[in-house]
Amino acid sequence: MAATGTAAVSVFNPTPGGGVSPSAATFTMDPAPSLAVNATSVSGNTPVTVTLSNGLGGSTDWLGVAATGAPDTSYLQWTYVGAGVTDRTWTTNMPATPGTYEFRLFKSGYTRVATSATITVLPPAPLATSLSPAAGQVGGAAFMLTVNGSNLLASSVIRWNGTDRATTYVSASQLRAAIPASDVASAGTALVTVFNPPPGGGTSTALPFSISQAPSLAVSTTTAVGGTQVTVTLANGSGGSTDWLGLAPTGAANTTYLQWTYVGTGVTSRTWTINMPTTAGTYEFRLFAGGYTRVATSPVVNVTAPPPPPPVQLTPNVTSARVGSPVTVTLTNGPGGPTDWIALAASGAANNNYLQWVYVGSGVTSRDWTVTMPASAGTYEFRLFLSNGYTRAATSPPITVTP
C-alpha cells in the first residue's frame, strides 16, 4: 500500500440477486517504519543519530549499522529498539574506516523492515606527530625526511612550506619524502605538513624543521711560535653533552689528538685557549659530535719551533777578592724550580762538596746572593743545581781569593 489512512470495505454479490452489503467495515493503513539520519557525510568515529519512526514495537526488534551492500547477517554495531517502542533515537560513532554505511531495522532475526539513507564516512584528516631528522644545517645535502603520525594514506603528500615533495607511503603511521639540498640552503624554520586529498582528508598541523648555520671554528692566528697561545672560537655548535674540541696535526686520523676539551651541554658558542706544541708543523682544531664524528675543522695553524731559551748564567760581581770579603753572584734566566739551589764550592770539587748554599726560590728566575768568601786562599765558583739534587745547570766564572 502506498498511502496511509483508512479504507471502507464492503461485500458485493454479483447479479442476479446479490448486491452490496448494506454496511462497510473500516480498514486502517499505518505508515511504514522509517529510519532518518542527521548526517549523510561524516569523518570516521564521528557520532551520527538515527531516528526510528513507526516502529513495530516488537520485543526483539533491533537496529544495526552495516556497510552498504553487506548481507543482513553482517553488522558492525547494534541495539534493541525496546518492547512496545515505536519511535526512538540512537546515537553511535561511525566506523573509522572510510566507506558507505547505513542503519537497518530488523523485525526479530534478520528480517529487514527499514533502511536509512547512506552515510559516507570520509577519510580522516592526517595527524603528523614527529619528524626524523627534525633539524638540519645550512648547505646540507639532499636527504630523506620521515614523518610519523596517524591517518596516513597511500595518497598522502608531505609538504615543505606548503609545497609538495615526492612522497613514499610506508604505513598508516609513516611517510617519507625526498628533500632537495635547495630546501636547506638558508637558515630558518621550515614548516612540514601532511595533506590527504578529498573527499575528506585535509592538512595536518605543521611541524617545525629547524635549519641552522653549520658549526664553525675560527682561530686567533694562523701562524704561531711553538709554546705560545692560540684561541679557537666555536660558533653554531649543536650543544651536545658529549661534543668536544681537539687539537691535532693536520692530516692525522680523527682518533689522534694532542689536547682536547668538552664543549659543554647546551653550549653552542665558546672559546678555548691553549699553548701550541713546541714541535714545528701544521695543526688544526676539530669539533666532534660525540665519539669521532668530526663536524667542523679550523683553518690550519702553522707552528714554528720556538727559539732556544737564553742560557742560565751565574755572574759574580768580581773575579778576585780577599779572604773574608763579600762577593755577590747574580742568577739570570734560571728555570724557577721550587727546590733549585745555589752553592759556593772550591773549583774542581765534586758536585756534592760545597761550602755554602741557598735555595733560589719557587718561580724565581733572577736573584742576587751575597756571601763571605772563605778564609783560605784559592779559586772558588758558584754553582746552580736543580730540584734538590746534584744536577748542575750553571757554573760561574772562577773567583780568585787571595790573603
Protein backbone atom coordinates (compact mmCIF):
# COMPACT_ATOMS: atom_id res chain seq x y z
CA MET A 1 0.00 0.00 0.00
CA ALA A 2 1.41 3.34 -0.99
CA ALA A 3 -0.61 5.60 1.26
CA THR A 4 -1.73 5.82 4.87
CA GLY A 5 -5.22 6.44 6.19
CA THR A 6 -8.47 4.39 6.31
CA ALA A 7 -10.46 2.45 3.69
CA ALA A 8 -14.13 1.27 3.63
CA VAL A 9 -14.54 -2.45 2.99
CA SER A 10 -17.90 -3.91 1.79
CA VAL A 11 -19.10 -7.19 0.28
CA PHE A 12 -20.58 -7.39 -3.21
CA ASN A 13 -22.52 -10.35 -4.63
CA PRO A 14 -22.84 -10.26 -8.38
CA THR A 15 -26.21 -10.35 -10.10
CA PRO A 16 -28.71 -11.93 -10.48
CA GLY A 17 -29.80 -11.01 -6.99
CA GLY A 18 -26.86 -10.16 -4.86
CA GLY A 19 -25.84 -6.52 -4.45
CA VAL A 20 -23.69 -4.67 -1.99
CA SER A 21 -23.75 -5.27 1.69
CA PRO A 22 -25.72 -2.56 3.47
CA SER A 23 -22.77 -1.58 5.68
CA ALA A 24 -18.97 -1.22 5.15
CA ALA A 25 -16.11 -2.16 7.50
CA THR A 26 -13.22 0.31 8.13
CA PHE A 27 -9.53 -0.83 7.43
CA THR A 28 -6.76 1.33 8.87
CA MET A 29 -3.39 1.60 6.98
CA ASP A 30 -0.48 2.57 9.30
CA PRO A 31 2.69 4.32 7.93
CA ALA A 32 5.64 2.00 7.31
CA PRO A 33 8.66 2.09 9.70
CA SER A 34 11.34 4.58 8.64
CA LEU A 35 14.89 5.44 9.62
CA ALA A 36 16.19 9.03 9.28
CA VAL A 37 19.80 10.14 9.92
CA ASN A 38 21.08 13.53 10.99
CA ALA A 39 24.06 13.44 8.60
CA THR A 40 24.95 11.68 5.39
CA SER A 41 28.65 12.61 5.21
CA VAL A 42 30.96 12.49 8.25
CA SER A 43 34.53 11.73 9.29
CA GLY A 44 35.39 8.41 10.85
CA ASN A 45 34.49 7.95 14.53
CA THR A 46 32.02 10.85 14.32
CA PRO A 47 28.68 10.30 16.12
CA VAL A 48 25.57 10.02 13.92
CA THR A 49 21.99 9.88 15.21
CA VAL A 50 19.35 7.69 13.58
CA THR A 51 15.65 8.33 14.29
CA LEU A 52 13.15 5.45 14.10
CA SER A 53 9.56 6.33 13.30
CA ASN A 54 6.58 3.99 13.22
CA GLY A 55 8.46 1.02 14.52
CA LEU A 56 6.73 -2.29 15.07
CA GLY A 57 7.29 -2.36 18.83
CA GLY A 58 8.39 -5.99 18.88
CA SER A 59 10.34 -7.07 21.94
CA THR A 60 13.24 -8.35 19.82
CA ASP A 61 13.22 -5.72 17.08
CA TRP A 62 16.70 -4.23 16.69
CA LEU A 63 18.72 -1.57 14.92
CA GLY A 64 22.11 -2.19 13.30
CA VAL A 65 24.87 -0.32 11.45
CA ALA A 66 26.31 -2.12 8.43
CA ALA A 67 28.42 -1.44 5.40
CA THR A 68 26.27 -0.62 2.38
CA GLY A 69 25.68 -3.81 0.39
CA ALA A 70 26.65 -6.11 3.24
CA PRO A 71 24.32 -9.09 3.90
CA ASP A 72 21.72 -8.68 6.64
CA THR A 73 23.71 -11.04 8.83
CA SER A 74 26.70 -8.69 8.72
CA TYR A 75 26.67 -5.65 11.03
CA LEU A 76 29.17 -3.50 12.92
CA GLN A 77 27.08 -2.23 15.84
CA TRP A 78 23.55 -2.96 17.08
CA THR A 79 20.93 -2.24 19.77
CA TYR A 80 17.45 -3.46 20.69
CA VAL A 81 14.64 -0.99 19.94
CA GLY A 82 12.65 -1.94 23.05
CA ALA A 83 9.41 -3.79 23.66
CA GLY A 84 6.47 -1.62 22.64
CA VAL A 85 8.76 1.17 21.46
CA THR A 86 7.83 2.53 18.04
CA ASP A 87 9.77 5.81 17.97
CA ARG A 88 13.29 6.31 19.29
CA THR A 89 16.72 7.71 18.52
CA TRP A 90 20.10 6.00 18.66
CA THR A 91 23.42 7.87 18.53
CA THR A 92 26.58 5.94 17.78
CA ASN A 93 30.03 6.64 16.39
CA MET A 94 30.51 5.73 12.79
CA PRO A 95 33.35 3.35 11.84
CA ALA A 96 36.86 4.79 11.41
CA THR A 97 37.31 3.12 8.03
CA PRO A 98 36.22 5.31 5.10
CA GLY A 99 33.29 3.94 3.07
CA THR A 100 29.50 3.97 2.90
CA TYR A 101 27.29 2.70 5.70
CA GLU A 102 23.59 2.50 6.61
CA PHE A 103 21.29 1.89 9.56
CA ARG A 104 18.89 -1.06 9.35
CA LEU A 105 15.75 -2.04 11.31
CA PHE A 106 15.13 -5.72 11.76
CA LYS A 107 11.93 -7.47 12.89
CA SER A 108 13.45 -10.02 15.22
CA GLY A 109 16.01 -12.26 13.47
CA TYR A 110 17.28 -10.89 10.17
CA THR A 111 14.03 -9.72 8.58
CA ARG A 112 14.89 -6.17 7.49
CA VAL A 113 11.94 -3.81 7.51
CA ALA A 114 13.62 -0.41 7.06
CA THR A 115 16.90 1.07 5.81
CA SER A 116 18.29 4.56 6.35
CA ALA A 117 19.87 6.86 3.80
CA THR A 118 23.52 6.10 3.06
CA ILE A 119 26.15 7.69 5.33
CA THR A 120 29.53 8.32 3.70
CA VAL A 121 32.49 8.10 6.07
CA LEU A 122 35.24 10.31 4.68
CA PRO A 123 38.98 9.72 5.04
CA PRO A 124 40.15 11.42 8.26
CA ALA A 125 42.47 14.40 8.40
CA PRO A 126 46.11 13.32 8.75
CA LEU A 127 47.97 13.77 12.03
CA ALA A 128 51.74 14.45 11.96
CA THR A 129 53.46 13.85 15.31
CA SER A 130 57.22 13.86 14.70
CA LEU A 131 59.98 14.33 12.13
CA SER A 132 63.21 12.45 11.63
CA PRO A 133 65.52 14.27 11.35
CA ALA A 134 63.92 17.30 12.96
CA ALA A 135 66.73 19.72 12.11
CA GLY A 136 69.46 20.32 9.56
CA GLN A 137 72.29 22.68 8.71
CA VAL A 138 72.65 25.32 6.06
CA GLY A 139 74.31 23.88 2.99
CA GLY A 140 73.44 20.29 3.85
CA ALA A 141 72.98 17.62 1.20
CA ALA A 142 69.64 16.29 -0.02
CA PHE A 143 68.11 13.83 2.43
CA MET A 144 65.08 11.63 3.20
CA LEU A 145 62.64 13.09 5.72
CA THR A 146 60.49 10.70 7.76
CA VAL A 147 57.12 11.91 9.05
CA ASN A 148 55.49 9.86 11.79
CA GLY A 149 51.80 10.19 12.60
CA SER A 150 48.41 8.61 12.02
CA ASN A 151 45.62 8.58 9.42
CA LEU A 152 48.24 8.49 6.67
CA LEU A 153 47.17 7.21 3.27
CA ALA A 154 48.86 5.90 0.14
CA SER A 155 47.71 9.16 -1.46
CA SER A 156 49.08 11.37 1.34
CA VAL A 157 51.61 14.02 0.36
CA ILE A 158 54.30 15.64 2.52
CA ARG A 159 54.50 19.39 2.02
CA TRP A 160 57.58 21.55 2.75
CA ASN A 161 56.47 25.12 3.44
CA GLY A 162 53.26 24.31 1.58
CA THR A 163 54.97 22.80 -1.47
CA ASP A 164 54.51 19.13 -2.35
CA ARG A 165 57.55 16.87 -2.09
CA ALA A 166 57.94 13.43 -3.66
CA THR A 167 56.36 11.19 -1.01
CA THR A 168 56.67 7.46 -0.31
CA TYR A 169 53.95 5.70 1.69
CA VAL A 170 55.41 3.38 4.32
CA SER A 171 52.42 2.66 6.54
CA ALA A 172 49.37 4.32 8.04
CA SER A 173 51.73 5.81 10.62
CA GLN A 174 54.75 6.75 8.49
CA LEU A 175 55.63 8.60 5.28
CA ARG A 176 58.95 9.59 3.72
CA ALA A 177 59.79 12.46 1.42
CA ALA A 178 62.84 13.38 -0.65
CA ILE A 179 64.05 16.83 0.45
CA PRO A 180 66.42 18.53 -2.03
CA ALA A 181 69.51 20.44 -0.93
CA SER A 182 67.87 23.67 -2.08
CA ASP A 183 65.38 23.37 0.78
CA VAL A 184 68.16 23.77 3.36
CA ALA A 185 70.20 26.40 1.54
CA SER A 186 69.43 29.14 4.07
CA ALA A 187 68.89 29.35 7.81
CA GLY A 188 65.39 29.43 9.26
CA THR A 189 62.49 27.15 10.13
CA ALA A 190 60.58 25.13 7.53
CA LEU A 191 57.01 24.00 8.23
CA VAL A 192 56.24 20.39 7.35
CA THR A 193 52.64 19.23 6.87
CA VAL A 194 50.84 16.16 5.52
CA PHE A 195 47.98 16.57 3.05
CA ASN A 196 45.31 13.93 2.45
CA PRO A 197 43.34 14.60 -0.76
CA PRO A 198 39.49 14.80 -0.79
CA PRO A 199 36.97 13.52 -0.25
CA GLY A 200 37.58 14.15 3.41
CA GLY A 201 41.25 14.36 4.21
CA GLY A 202 42.74 17.79 4.81
CA THR A 203 46.04 19.12 6.09
CA SER A 204 47.77 18.20 9.33
CA THR A 205 49.11 20.63 11.89
CA ALA A 206 52.58 21.83 10.85
CA LEU A 207 55.76 20.52 12.46
CA PRO A 208 58.87 22.77 12.51
CA PHE A 209 62.14 21.74 10.85
CA SER A 210 65.00 23.93 12.10
CA ILE A 211 67.77 24.90 9.66
CA SER A 212 70.79 26.32 11.46
CA GLN A 213 74.14 27.64 10.37
CA ALA A 214 76.79 24.91 10.26
CA PRO A 215 79.26 24.80 13.16
CA SER A 216 82.49 26.70 12.52
CA LEU A 217 85.88 27.03 14.19
CA ALA A 218 87.89 30.25 13.89
CA VAL A 219 91.43 30.73 15.20
CA SER A 220 93.06 33.84 16.63
CA THR A 221 96.08 33.38 14.34
CA THR A 222 97.21 31.04 11.59
CA THR A 223 100.92 31.37 12.47
CA ALA A 224 102.34 30.82 15.92
CA VAL A 225 105.58 30.06 17.67
CA GLY A 226 105.64 26.74 19.46
CA GLY A 227 104.59 27.07 23.07
CA THR A 228 102.63 30.30 22.53
CA GLN A 229 98.88 30.58 23.00
CA VAL A 230 96.25 30.30 20.27
CA THR A 231 92.50 30.72 20.83
CA VAL A 232 89.87 28.80 18.86
CA THR A 233 86.28 30.12 18.75
CA LEU A 234 83.33 27.79 18.19
CA ALA A 235 80.15 29.20 16.63
CA ASN A 236 76.82 27.44 15.95
CA GLY A 237 77.69 24.28 17.86
CA SER A 238 74.99 21.67 18.44
CA GLY A 239 75.21 21.81 22.24
CA GLY A 240 75.51 18.04 22.61
CA SER A 241 76.54 16.79 26.03
CA THR A 242 79.47 14.84 24.59
CA ASP A 243 80.60 17.27 21.87
CA TRP A 244 84.31 18.03 22.20
CA LEU A 245 87.14 20.07 20.72
CA GLY A 246 90.54 18.63 19.88
CA LEU A 247 93.88 19.83 18.55
CA ALA A 248 95.59 17.51 16.09
CA PRO A 249 98.33 17.56 13.47
CA THR A 250 96.93 18.35 10.04
CA GLY A 251 96.03 15.13 8.24
CA ALA A 252 96.04 12.98 11.39
CA ALA A 253 93.25 10.44 11.89
CA ASN A 254 90.22 11.59 13.88
CA THR A 255 91.29 9.27 16.68
CA THR A 256 94.61 11.13 17.00
CA TYR A 257 94.74 14.33 19.03
CA LEU A 258 97.21 16.22 21.23
CA GLN A 259 94.85 18.14 23.53
CA TRP A 260 91.06 18.10 23.98
CA THR A 261 88.16 19.54 25.99
CA TYR A 262 84.38 19.06 26.20
CA VAL A 263 82.34 21.91 24.71
CA GLY A 264 79.62 21.70 27.38
CA THR A 265 75.99 20.58 27.45
CA GLY A 266 73.80 23.11 25.66
CA VAL A 267 76.82 25.27 24.80
CA THR A 268 76.82 26.37 21.16
CA SER A 269 79.45 29.14 21.29
CA ARG A 270 82.68 29.14 23.26
CA THR A 271 86.40 29.84 23.14
CA TRP A 272 89.31 27.60 24.08
CA THR A 273 92.86 28.91 24.55
CA ILE A 274 95.84 26.53 24.64
CA ASN A 275 99.60 26.53 24.25
CA MET A 276 100.59 25.21 20.86
CA PRO A 277 103.02 22.30 20.59
CA THR A 278 106.71 23.16 20.55
CA THR A 279 107.30 20.88 17.56
CA ALA A 280 107.20 22.77 14.27
CA GLY A 281 104.42 21.71 11.90
CA THR A 282 100.82 22.40 10.89
CA TYR A 283 97.95 21.84 13.27
CA GLU A 284 94.19 22.25 13.31
CA PHE A 285 91.33 22.37 15.78
CA ARG A 286 88.46 19.92 15.30
CA LEU A 287 84.88 19.71 16.61
CA PHE A 288 83.45 16.25 17.21
CA ALA A 289 79.79 15.36 17.84
CA GLY A 290 80.49 12.70 20.43
CA GLY A 291 82.84 9.86 19.53
CA TYR A 292 84.94 10.63 16.48
CA THR A 293 82.33 12.13 14.15
CA ARG A 294 84.05 15.33 13.02
CA VAL A 295 81.63 18.15 12.19
CA ALA A 296 83.97 21.15 11.85
CA THR A 297 87.65 21.91 11.25
CA SER A 298 89.50 25.17 11.85
CA PRO A 299 91.92 26.84 9.44
CA VAL A 300 95.43 25.40 9.64
CA VAL A 301 97.77 26.90 12.22
CA ASN A 302 101.41 26.90 11.09
CA VAL A 303 103.68 26.45 14.12
CA THR A 304 107.36 27.31 14.01
CA ALA A 305 109.85 25.95 16.52
CA PRO A 306 110.43 28.27 19.48
CA PRO A 307 113.87 29.91 19.78
CA PRO A 308 116.24 28.21 22.19
CA PRO A 309 115.88 29.50 25.74
CA PRO A 310 118.52 32.02 26.90
CA PRO A 311 121.35 30.38 28.81
CA VAL A 312 121.24 30.19 32.57
CA GLN A 313 124.03 32.35 33.96
CA LEU A 314 125.75 32.88 37.29
CA THR A 315 127.76 36.12 37.25
CA PRO A 316 129.89 37.19 40.23
CA ASN A 317 130.42 40.90 40.75
CA VAL A 318 134.21 40.32 40.95
CA THR A 319 136.63 37.68 39.76
CA SER A 320 139.16 38.25 42.55
CA ALA A 321 138.67 39.02 46.21
CA ARG A 322 140.47 38.99 49.54
CA VAL A 323 139.75 36.24 52.01
CA GLY A 324 136.70 37.02 54.15
CA SER A 325 135.44 39.71 51.79
CA PRO A 326 131.84 39.75 50.42
CA VAL A 327 131.10 38.66 46.86
CA THR A 328 127.70 38.86 45.15
CA VAL A 329 126.62 36.41 42.47
CA THR A 330 123.70 37.21 40.12
CA LEU A 331 121.48 34.44 38.70
CA THR A 332 119.75 35.18 35.38
CA ASN A 333 117.37 33.00 33.29
CA GLY A 334 117.02 30.42 36.00
CA PRO A 335 114.37 27.67 35.49
CA GLY A 336 112.44 28.72 38.62
CA GLY A 337 112.14 25.26 40.14
CA PRO A 338 110.84 25.26 43.75
CA THR A 339 113.90 23.34 45.03
CA ASP A 340 116.62 24.72 42.77
CA TRP A 341 119.64 25.91 44.78
CA ILE A 342 122.94 27.84 44.51
CA ALA A 343 126.17 26.72 46.12
CA LEU A 344 129.67 28.11 46.61
CA ALA A 345 132.36 25.45 46.11
CA ALA A 346 136.05 25.19 45.52
CA SER A 347 136.84 24.99 41.84
CA GLY A 348 137.28 21.35 40.82
CA ALA A 349 135.41 20.00 43.90
CA ALA A 350 132.78 17.30 43.42
CA ASN A 351 129.18 18.48 42.99
CA ASN A 352 128.29 17.19 46.42
CA ASN A 353 131.15 19.11 48.01
CA TYR A 354 130.23 22.74 48.74
CA LEU A 355 130.90 25.41 51.35
CA GLN A 356 127.69 27.44 51.42
CA TRP A 357 124.29 27.12 49.76
CA VAL A 358 120.84 28.74 49.43
CA TYR A 359 117.50 27.93 47.72
CA VAL A 360 116.75 30.12 44.72
CA GLY A 361 113.00 30.26 45.41
CA SER A 362 109.93 28.81 43.66
CA GLY A 363 109.30 30.61 40.37
CA VAL A 364 112.37 32.84 40.88
CA THR A 365 114.46 33.08 37.71
CA SER A 366 116.71 36.03 38.64
CA ARG A 367 118.24 36.85 42.01
CA ASP A 368 121.38 38.05 43.82
CA TRP A 369 123.17 36.17 46.59
CA THR A 370 125.97 37.75 48.64
CA VAL A 371 128.35 35.52 50.58
CA THR A 372 131.57 35.99 52.57
CA MET A 373 134.44 34.32 50.80
CA PRO A 374 136.34 31.57 52.61
CA ALA A 375 139.35 32.38 54.87
CA SER A 376 141.58 30.10 52.77
CA ALA A 377 143.13 31.45 49.59
CA GLY A 378 142.27 29.61 46.38
CA THR A 379 139.85 29.61 43.48
CA TYR A 380 136.12 29.22 44.03
CA GLU A 381 132.97 29.19 41.94
CA PHE A 382 129.20 29.44 42.26
CA ARG A 383 127.06 26.58 41.01
CA LEU A 384 123.29 26.21 40.25
CA PHE A 385 121.71 22.82 40.98
CA LEU A 386 118.22 21.62 40.06
CA SER A 387 115.49 20.02 42.18
CA ASN A 388 117.33 19.39 45.41
CA GLY A 389 119.84 17.23 43.61
CA TYR A 390 123.29 17.49 42.13
CA THR A 391 122.33 18.14 38.54
CA ARG A 392 124.42 21.23 37.81
CA ALA A 393 122.69 23.70 35.46
CA ALA A 394 125.20 26.57 35.54
CA THR A 395 128.68 27.49 36.85
CA SER A 396 130.05 30.97 37.42
CA PRO A 397 133.49 32.17 36.32
CA PRO A 398 136.10 31.40 38.99
CA ILE A 399 136.80 33.86 41.77
CA THR A 400 140.43 34.03 42.94
CA VAL A 401 140.67 34.54 46.68
CA THR A 402 143.94 35.97 47.95
CA PRO A 403 145.23 36.56 51.51
